[in-house]
Amino acid sequence: MLLGVKVLPANITDREGSQQLLKELRQNQPQMKLHLFADGGYKGKWEGWVKTTLGYTVEIVQRSDANTRGYWLPEGQELTEEQINTFRGHRGFMVIKKRWIVERSFA
């Protein structure tokens, strides 16, 4: 069920655009209590803004290894195959709970 759509110029980020859209939705439907699903790019300030300003709940949907950038290893120790597979470009397909909702919404 689509609740709102907003087309914005390319110089407005997805986070800024989503804030505009959600503010309008809140004004038009103040009685609605929403639970939002978002990808890892919305984690942090945006997530906090939605919770405190609008009173909506947010669930960030991302891979458990999404922010793996590197590993500290003792001298002489090599990376394991499992560690290598956590790096971007080496990761395989992984089923992530509710991710299809996020992708379908952006599609």
Protein backbone atom coordinates (compact mmCIF):
# COMPACT_ATOMS: atom_id res chain seq x y z
CA MET A 1 0.00 0.00 0.00
CA LEU A 2 1.65 3.19 -1.20
CA LEU A 3 1.19 6.06 1.26
CA GLY A 4 3.03 8.82 -0.58
CA VAL A 5 5.31 9.72 -3.46
CA LYS A 6 7.60 12.69 -3.90
CA VAL A 7 9.73 13.52 -6.94
CA LEU A 8 12.68 15.74 -6.11
CA PRO A 9 15.64 17.23 -7.99
CA ALA A 10 18.88 15.24 -8.09
CA ASN A 11 20.66 17.63 -5.72
CA ILE A 12 18.48 16.50 -2.79
CA THR A 13 19.68 13.37 -1.00
CA ASP A 14 17.43 10.41 -0.31
CA ARG A 15 17.60 11.18 3.40
CA GLU A 16 16.51 14.81 2.90
CA GLY A 17 13.78 13.78 0.48
CA SER A 18 12.48 11.13 2.81
CA GLN A 19 12.28 13.66 5.63
CA GLN A 20 10.22 15.99 3.44
CA LEU A 21 7.91 13.15 2.40
CA LEU A 22 7.49 11.84 5.95
CA LYS A 23 6.77 15.35 7.33
CA GLU A 24 4.00 15.77 4.73
CA LEU A 25 2.62 12.33 5.47
CA ARG A 26 2.60 13.11 9.19
CA GLN A 27 0.71 16.39 8.55
CA ASN A 28 -1.85 14.71 6.29
CA GLN A 29 -2.31 11.59 8.43
CA PRO A 30 -1.35 12.50 12.02
CA GLN A 31 -3.22 9.53 13.49
CA MET A 32 -1.12 7.00 11.53
CA LYS A 33 1.52 5.08 13.46
CA LEU A 34 4.11 3.70 11.06
CA HIS A 35 6.87 1.12 11.28
CA LEU A 36 9.47 1.93 8.63
CA PHE A 37 12.00 -0.42 7.06
CA ALA A 38 15.18 1.20 5.76
CA ASP A 39 18.58 0.05 4.53
CA GLY A 40 21.87 0.74 6.30
CA GLY A 41 22.30 4.13 4.63
CA TYR A 42 19.59 5.52 6.90
CA LYS A 43 21.16 4.36 10.15
CA GLY A 44 22.08 7.04 12.67
CA LYS A 45 20.82 10.63 12.57
CA TRP A 46 17.95 9.95 10.16
CA GLU A 47 16.77 7.01 12.21
CA GLY A 48 16.84 9.11 15.38
CA TRP A 49 15.05 12.00 13.67
CA VAL A 50 12.18 9.74 12.56
CA LYS A 51 11.78 8.29 16.05
CA THR A 52 11.95 11.57 17.99
CA THR A 53 10.30 13.99 15.55
CA LEU A 54 7.60 11.80 14.04
CA GLY A 55 7.19 9.09 16.65
CA TYR A 56 7.48 6.30 14.06
CA THR A 57 9.47 3.14 14.66
CA VAL A 58 12.33 2.24 12.34
CA GLU A 59 13.92 -1.10 11.51
CA ILE A 60 17.28 -0.94 9.72
CA VAL A 61 17.67 -3.93 7.40
CA GLN A 62 21.25 -4.78 6.44
CA ARG A 63 23.74 -7.60 6.28
CA SER A 64 25.41 -8.58 9.53
CA ASP A 65 28.79 -7.99 7.85
CA ALA A 66 27.73 -4.74 6.13
CA ASN A 67 30.33 -2.55 7.82
CA THR A 68 33.29 -4.91 7.82
CA ARG A 69 36.24 -2.89 6.54
CA GLY A 70 39.16 -4.92 7.82
CA TYR A 71 40.61 -7.13 10.51
CA TRP A 72 43.49 -6.70 12.94
CA LEU A 73 45.64 -9.81 12.84
CA PRO A 74 48.69 -10.85 14.82
CA GLU A 75 51.90 -10.70 12.81
CA GLY A 76 52.26 -13.75 10.59
CA GLN A 77 48.58 -14.75 10.77
CA GLU A 78 46.68 -14.92 7.47
CA LEU A 79 43.06 -14.03 6.80
CA THR A 80 40.70 -16.98 6.77
CA GLU A 81 38.43 -17.68 3.79
CA GLU A 82 35.44 -16.70 5.96
CA GLN A 83 37.02 -13.30 6.76
CA ILE A 84 37.85 -12.63 3.11
CA ASN A 85 34.26 -13.38 2.13
CA THR A 86 32.99 -10.56 4.34
CA PHE A 87 34.65 -7.87 2.19
CA ARG A 88 32.64 -6.06 -0.45
CA GLY A 89 33.12 -7.68 -3.83
CA HIS A 90 33.74 -11.10 -2.26
CA ARG A 91 30.44 -11.55 -0.49
CA GLY A 92 27.92 -13.98 -1.86
CA PHE A 93 24.15 -13.83 -1.79
CA MET A 94 22.59 -13.77 1.66
CA VAL A 95 18.92 -13.81 2.56
CA ILE A 96 18.20 -10.82 4.80
CA LYS A 97 14.95 -10.58 6.75
CA LYS A 98 12.60 -7.90 5.35
CA ARG A 99 15.15 -6.72 2.72
CA TRP A 100 12.68 -7.37 -0.10
CA ILE A 101 10.36 -4.78 1.45
CA VAL A 102 13.08 -2.11 1.28
CA GLU A 103 14.09 -3.01 -2.29
CA ARG A 104 10.51 -3.22 -3.51
CA SER A 105 9.78 0.22 -2.06
CA PHE A 106 12.70 1.81 -3.91
CA ALA A 107 11.87 -0.02 -7.14
